[in-house]
N, C-alpha and C. Protein backbone atom coordinates (compact mmCIF):
# COMPACT_ATOMS: atom_id res chain seq x y z
N MET A 1 18.98 -25.27 4.32
CA MET A 1 17.79 -25.23 2.46
C MET A 1 18.01 -27.00 2.30
N ALA A 2 19.09 -27.67 2.95
CA ALA A 2 19.70 -29.18 2.42
C ALA A 2 18.68 -29.84 2.71
N PRO A 3 17.74 -29.87 3.31
CA PRO A 3 16.47 -30.51 3.65
C PRO A 3 15.00 -30.49 2.52
N TYR A 4 14.61 -28.98 2.69
CA TYR A 4 14.09 -28.73 1.45
C TYR A 4 14.27 -29.28 0.79
N MET A 5 15.68 -28.91 0.27
CA MET A 5 16.09 -29.75 -1.32
C MET A 5 15.36 -30.74 -1.35
N GLY A 6 15.89 -32.34 -0.73
CA GLY A 6 15.14 -33.21 -1.10
C GLY A 6 13.80 -32.98 -0.81
N LEU A 7 12.69 -32.71 -0.25
CA LEU A 7 11.53 -32.47 0.03
C LEU A 7 11.22 -31.81 -1.78
N MET A 8 11.73 -30.46 -1.68
CA MET A 8 10.93 -30.04 -3.19
C MET A 8 11.59 -31.52 -4.61
N ARG A 9 12.32 -31.74 -4.40
CA ARG A 9 12.88 -33.31 -5.58
C ARG A 9 11.93 -34.39 -5.82
N SER A 10 11.09 -34.28 -4.37
CA SER A 10 10.20 -35.82 -4.76
C SER A 10 8.31 -35.11 -4.91
N MET A 11 8.41 -33.62 -5.19
CA MET A 11 7.43 -33.22 -4.91
C MET A 11 7.02 -33.06 -6.55
N SER A 12 5.51 -32.69 -7.05
CA SER A 12 4.79 -32.64 -8.54
C SER A 12 4.84 -31.61 -8.97
N LEU A 13 5.46 -31.11 -10.60
CA LEU A 13 5.77 -30.10 -10.70
C LEU A 13 4.70 -29.02 -10.04
N LYS A 14 3.55 -29.31 -9.77
CA LYS A 14 2.75 -28.09 -10.21
C LYS A 14 2.68 -27.30 -8.56
N ASP A 15 3.61 -28.89 -7.48
CA ASP A 15 3.35 -28.31 -5.96
C ASP A 15 4.85 -27.41 -5.84
N LYS A 16 5.65 -27.70 -6.47
CA LYS A 16 6.95 -26.88 -6.09
C LYS A 16 6.67 -25.15 -7.27
N ARG A 17 5.19 -25.42 -8.77
CA ARG A 17 5.25 -24.24 -8.73
C ARG A 17 4.39 -23.61 -7.46
N THR A 18 3.28 -24.11 -7.08
CA THR A 18 3.15 -23.51 -5.71
C THR A 18 3.72 -22.77 -4.66
N VAL A 19 4.54 -24.22 -4.49
CA VAL A 19 5.72 -23.66 -3.04
C VAL A 19 6.55 -21.90 -3.73
N VAL A 20 6.98 -21.98 -5.59
CA VAL A 20 7.31 -20.77 -5.45
C VAL A 20 6.93 -19.87 -5.22
N ASP A 21 6.09 -20.32 -6.12
CA ASP A 21 4.57 -18.92 -6.05
C ASP A 21 4.47 -17.62 -5.03
N PHE A 22 4.32 -18.84 -3.79
CA PHE A 22 4.13 -18.46 -2.44
C PHE A 22 5.48 -18.08 -2.25
N LEU A 23 6.26 -18.66 -2.69
CA LEU A 23 7.75 -17.44 -1.62
C LEU A 23 7.58 -16.69 -2.34
N MET A 24 8.32 -16.39 -3.41
CA MET A 24 7.45 -14.88 -4.81
C MET A 24 7.02 -13.46 -3.50
N ASP A 25 4.94 -14.25 -4.01
CA ASP A 25 4.14 -13.53 -3.63
C ASP A 25 5.18 -12.71 -1.58
N ASP A 26 5.55 -13.44 -1.44
CA ASP A 26 5.51 -13.18 -0.09
C ASP A 26 6.93 -12.35 -0.03
N MET A 27 8.12 -12.98 -1.19
CA MET A 27 9.27 -11.87 -1.34
C MET A 27 8.88 -9.82 -1.66
N LYS A 28 7.96 -10.43 -2.34
CA LYS A 28 7.19 -9.51 -2.63
C LYS A 28 6.81 -8.01 -1.74
N GLU A 29 5.61 -8.99 -1.13
CA GLU A 29 4.99 -8.54 -0.52
C GLU A 29 5.82 -7.05 0.18
N HIS A 30 7.00 -8.44 0.81
CA HIS A 30 7.78 -7.86 2.15
C HIS A 30 8.38 -6.57 1.66
N ASN A 31 9.13 -6.58 -0.34
CA ASN A 31 9.74 -5.59 -1.17
C ASN A 31 8.36 -4.45 -0.90
N ASP A 32 7.28 -4.57 -1.50
CA ASP A 32 5.89 -3.98 -1.41
C ASP A 32 5.94 -3.23 -0.17
N LYS A 33 5.93 -3.82 1.05
CA LYS A 33 5.82 -3.09 2.36
C LYS A 33 7.27 -1.98 1.90
N GLU A 34 8.33 -2.23 2.20
CA GLU A 34 9.88 -1.16 2.21
C GLU A 34 9.22 0.05 1.68
N MET A 35 8.75 -0.38 0.00
CA MET A 35 9.03 0.86 -0.61
C MET A 35 7.76 1.70 0.05
N PHE A 36 6.76 1.68 0.14
CA PHE A 36 5.49 2.08 0.96
C PHE A 36 6.04 3.24 2.41
N GLU A 37 7.06 2.06 3.08
CA GLU A 37 7.90 2.26 3.67
C GLU A 37 8.33 3.93 3.95
N SER A 38 9.00 3.45 2.88
CA SER A 38 10.42 4.61 2.21
C SER A 38 9.72 5.81 2.26
N SER A 39 8.58 5.37 0.73
CA SER A 39 8.18 7.40 0.89
C SER A 39 7.19 7.51 1.87
N LEU A 40 7.22 6.92 1.89
CA LEU A 40 5.29 7.73 2.70
C LEU A 40 6.32 8.63 4.05
N LYS A 41 8.41 7.58 4.51
CA LYS A 41 8.34 8.09 5.82
C LYS A 41 9.29 10.15 4.85
N GLU A 42 9.56 9.11 3.33
CA GLU A 42 10.09 10.81 2.78
C GLU A 42 8.79 12.03 2.87
N TRP A 43 7.92 11.31 2.26
CA TRP A 43 6.53 12.15 1.81
C TRP A 43 6.20 13.24 2.98
N GLN A 44 5.91 12.37 4.28
CA GLN A 44 6.01 13.11 5.30
C GLN A 44 6.72 14.36 6.10
N ARG A 45 8.12 13.91 5.26
CA ARG A 45 9.46 14.72 5.99
C ARG A 45 9.36 15.94 5.21
N ASP A 46 8.70 15.24 3.40
CA ASP A 46 8.90 16.32 2.86
C ASP A 46 7.61 17.55 3.15
N THR A 47 6.76 16.93 2.78
CA THR A 47 5.74 18.15 2.96
C THR A 47 4.87 18.49 4.47
N ARG A 48 5.62 18.22 5.13
CA ARG A 48 4.66 18.57 6.60
C ARG A 48 4.40 19.87 6.93
N PHE A 49 5.51 20.48 6.24
CA PHE A 49 4.82 22.16 5.82
C PHE A 49 3.73 23.21 5.68
N LEU A 50 3.43 21.89 4.13
CA LEU A 50 2.66 22.70 3.04
C LEU A 50 1.60 22.37 3.18
N SER A 51 0.80 23.98 2.71
CA SER A 51 -0.26 23.67 2.93
C SER A 51 -1.47 23.77 2.11
N SER A 52 -0.49 23.59 1.29
CA SER A 52 -0.95 23.11 -0.43
C SER A 52 -1.53 22.15 -0.45
N SER A 53 -2.66 21.52 -1.12
CA SER A 53 -2.86 20.18 -1.27
C SER A 53 -1.87 19.54 -3.17
N SER A 54 -2.15 20.85 -3.82
CA SER A 54 -1.58 19.66 -5.13
C SER A 54 -0.32 20.00 -4.85
N ALA A 55 0.50 20.62 -3.84
CA ALA A 55 1.99 19.92 -3.66
C ALA A 55 2.36 19.01 -2.38
N VAL A 56 1.31 18.51 -1.87
CA VAL A 56 0.87 17.33 -0.82
C VAL A 56 0.88 16.42 -2.19
N THR A 57 0.33 16.29 -2.85
CA THR A 57 -0.33 15.20 -3.84
C THR A 57 0.75 15.04 -4.58
N SER A 58 1.33 15.83 -5.79
CA SER A 58 2.02 15.86 -6.26
C SER A 58 3.03 15.43 -5.93
N HIS A 59 3.48 15.10 -4.72
CA HIS A 59 5.39 14.54 -4.27
C HIS A 59 5.81 13.50 -4.50
N PRO A 60 6.81 13.18 -5.26
CA PRO A 60 7.50 12.26 -5.99
C PRO A 60 7.20 11.21 -5.31
N ALA A 61 7.43 11.32 -3.99
CA ALA A 61 7.35 9.64 -3.10
C ALA A 61 5.37 9.34 -2.57
N PHE A 62 4.62 10.78 -2.77
CA PHE A 62 2.73 10.31 -2.78
C PHE A 62 2.35 10.06 -4.04
N ARG A 63 3.81 9.72 -5.25
CA ARG A 63 3.18 9.24 -6.98
C ARG A 63 3.55 8.08 -6.67
N ARG A 64 4.33 7.80 -6.32
CA ARG A 64 5.18 5.92 -6.48
C ARG A 64 4.06 5.73 -5.10
N ILE A 65 3.85 5.91 -3.93
CA ILE A 65 2.42 5.34 -3.41
C ILE A 65 2.02 4.94 -4.02
N VAL A 66 0.81 5.46 -5.01
CA VAL A 66 0.06 6.21 -6.06
C VAL A 66 0.22 5.19 -6.76
N ASN A 67 1.64 4.94 -7.16
CA ASN A 67 2.02 3.91 -8.62
C ASN A 67 1.43 2.41 -8.19
N MET A 68 1.78 2.19 -6.73
CA MET A 68 1.89 0.99 -6.47
C MET A 68 0.82 0.57 -6.87
N GLY A 69 -0.58 1.42 -6.29
CA GLY A 69 -1.78 0.80 -6.91
C GLY A 69 -2.31 0.46 -5.74
N GLY A 70 -2.62 -1.18 -6.09
CA GLY A 70 -3.31 -2.21 -4.70
C GLY A 70 -2.84 -2.31 -4.30
N ASN A 71 -1.70 -2.71 -4.86
CA ASN A 71 -0.62 -3.10 -3.37
C ASN A 71 -0.13 -2.17 -2.23
N ALA A 72 -0.18 -1.28 -2.82
CA ALA A 72 0.04 -0.23 -1.05
C ALA A 72 -1.38 0.02 -0.84
N VAL A 73 -2.52 -0.48 -1.25
CA VAL A 73 -4.16 -0.57 -0.18
C VAL A 73 -4.19 -0.56 0.80
N PRO A 74 -3.93 -1.60 1.42
CA PRO A 74 -3.85 -2.22 2.78
C PRO A 74 -2.85 -1.79 3.79
N PHE A 75 -1.41 -1.16 2.85
CA PHE A 75 -0.72 -0.38 4.10
C PHE A 75 -1.39 1.32 4.15
N ILE A 76 -1.92 1.84 3.44
CA ILE A 76 -3.03 3.29 3.19
C ILE A 76 -3.88 3.03 4.74
N ILE A 77 -4.28 1.78 4.93
CA ILE A 77 -5.68 1.44 5.02
C ILE A 77 -4.98 1.78 6.39
N GLU A 78 -3.84 0.99 7.27
CA GLU A 78 -3.35 0.66 8.62
C GLU A 78 -2.57 2.40 8.25
N GLU A 79 -2.50 2.68 7.74
CA GLU A 79 -2.32 4.23 8.01
C GLU A 79 -2.84 4.66 9.19
N ILE A 80 -4.36 5.40 7.58
CA ILE A 80 -4.75 6.22 8.24
C ILE A 80 -5.63 5.83 9.10
N ALA A 81 -5.71 4.10 9.28
CA ALA A 81 -6.41 3.63 10.27
C ALA A 81 -6.26 4.91 11.54
N HIS A 82 -4.74 4.71 11.81
CA HIS A 82 -3.95 4.37 13.26
C HIS A 82 -3.40 5.71 13.02
N LYS A 83 -3.57 6.62 11.66
CA LYS A 83 -3.41 8.14 13.14
C LYS A 83 -3.96 8.51 11.13
N PRO A 84 -5.01 9.25 10.82
CA PRO A 84 -5.67 9.93 9.75
C PRO A 84 -4.58 11.47 8.89
N SER A 85 -4.51 11.27 7.88
CA SER A 85 -3.70 12.29 7.15
C SER A 85 -4.14 11.94 5.54
N ASN A 86 -3.39 12.96 5.32
CA ASN A 86 -3.74 13.47 3.17
C ASN A 86 -3.28 12.16 3.34
N LEU A 87 -2.40 10.80 3.13
CA LEU A 87 -2.34 10.30 2.77
C LEU A 87 -3.77 8.75 1.65
N VAL A 88 -5.33 9.59 2.91
CA VAL A 88 -6.44 8.46 1.76
C VAL A 88 -6.93 9.46 0.53
N TRP A 89 -6.16 11.39 0.49
CA TRP A 89 -5.90 11.61 -1.07
C TRP A 89 -5.38 10.24 -2.31
N ALA A 90 -4.49 8.93 -1.42
CA ALA A 90 -3.77 8.48 -2.02
C ALA A 90 -4.56 7.22 -3.15
N LEU A 91 -6.40 7.30 -2.30
CA LEU A 91 -6.87 5.69 -2.55
C LEU A 91 -7.77 6.57 -3.26
N ASN A 92 -8.03 7.92 -3.13
CA ASN A 92 -8.43 8.36 -4.41
C ASN A 92 -8.02 8.14 -5.35
N ALA A 93 -6.84 8.38 -5.47
CA ALA A 93 -6.27 8.41 -6.91
C ALA A 93 -6.16 6.83 -7.42
N ILE A 94 -5.82 6.06 -6.90
CA ILE A 94 -5.52 4.58 -6.55
C ILE A 94 -6.98 4.17 -7.34
N PHE A 95 -8.40 4.32 -6.68
CA PHE A 95 -9.19 3.87 -6.55
C PHE A 95 -10.47 4.90 -7.68
N HIS A 96 -9.01 6.21 -8.80
CA HIS A 96 -10.48 6.83 -9.33
C HIS A 96 -11.46 7.41 -9.34
N LYS A 97 -11.75 7.10 -7.87
CA LYS A 97 -13.54 7.81 -7.66
C LYS A 97 -12.71 8.71 -5.87
N LYS A 98 -13.23 9.64 -6.05
CA LYS A 98 -13.79 10.86 -5.00
C LYS A 98 -14.02 10.91 -3.92
N THR A 99 -13.78 9.52 -3.09
CA THR A 99 -15.05 10.00 -2.07
C THR A 99 -14.01 10.57 -0.44
N GLY A 100 -14.71 11.28 -0.17
CA GLY A 100 -14.33 12.44 0.81
C GLY A 100 -14.04 13.55 0.38
N SER A 101 -14.95 14.21 -0.62
CA SER A 101 -14.33 15.28 -1.46
C SER A 101 -14.85 15.90 -0.23
N GLY A 102 -14.54 17.23 0.07
CA GLY A 102 -15.60 17.92 0.63
C GLY A 102 -15.17 18.42 1.98
N LYS A 103 -14.94 16.63 2.82
CA LYS A 103 -14.69 16.36 4.14
C LYS A 103 -13.98 16.84 4.56
N THR A 104 -13.61 15.84 5.82
CA THR A 104 -12.05 17.13 6.58
C THR A 104 -11.55 15.86 6.41
N VAL A 105 -10.25 15.95 6.46
CA VAL A 105 -9.28 14.39 6.28
C VAL A 105 -10.06 13.09 6.92
N THR A 106 -9.95 13.69 8.05
CA THR A 106 -10.34 12.30 9.63
C THR A 106 -11.93 11.73 8.73
N ASP A 107 -12.80 12.71 8.16
CA ASP A 107 -14.15 11.68 8.22
C ASP A 107 -14.02 11.34 6.32
N ALA A 108 -13.14 11.15 5.43
CA ALA A 108 -12.17 11.27 4.30
C ALA A 108 -11.80 9.62 4.94
N CYS A 109 -10.75 9.54 5.50
CA CYS A 109 -10.35 8.53 6.01
C CYS A 109 -11.54 7.43 6.87
N LYS A 110 -12.37 7.89 7.16
CA LYS A 110 -13.19 6.84 8.12
C LYS A 110 -14.72 6.56 6.93
N LEU A 111 -14.54 7.19 5.62
CA LEU A 111 -15.50 7.55 4.30
C LEU A 111 -14.95 5.75 4.20
N TRP A 112 -13.44 5.96 3.64
CA TRP A 112 -13.20 5.07 2.63
C TRP A 112 -12.60 4.02 3.64
N ILE A 113 -11.87 4.00 4.96
CA ILE A 113 -12.38 2.31 5.80
C ILE A 113 -13.61 1.73 6.01
N GLU A 114 -14.03 2.61 5.76
CA GLU A 114 -16.16 1.07 5.87
C GLU A 114 -16.18 1.24 4.22
N GLU A 115 -15.61 1.95 3.10
CA GLU A 115 -16.15 1.47 1.99
C GLU A 115 -15.94 0.16 2.07
N LEU A 116 -13.64 0.19 2.12
CA LEU A 116 -12.91 -0.62 2.17
C LEU A 116 -13.62 -2.02 2.60
N LYS A 117 -14.21 -2.26 3.34
CA LYS A 117 -14.65 -2.77 4.40
C LYS A 117 -15.08 -4.05 4.38
N LYS A 118 -15.60 -3.32 2.61
CA LYS A 118 -17.06 -4.48 2.71
C LYS A 118 -16.51 -5.72 1.32
N PHE A 119 -15.32 -5.11 1.26
CA PHE A 119 -14.99 -6.11 0.08
C PHE A 119 -13.80 -7.62 1.34
């Protein structure tokens, strides 16, 4: 850490803020990923034998993922691209959009992935 302290002292205030913002964003992303993965594991464990979609989507861990908002989207996309699941319905809640309504989970996952690739 000591070599970087000298470097930071010689930086402008604007550059110091840029470095700090970068480090804070990196920490936040790491924390978001941990929160997402922890919530995902809990949700999968607790809902794997449920057939009620309302029970699956009202589970507290699912709600935590939805409440992460846009921060959860890259993790959700990565997960459903790898293995389609009911997790796709979190995207409907985050974006307030019913993409894939009436479709199979696999089709809904494909639709969301295609939709989000546009951005």
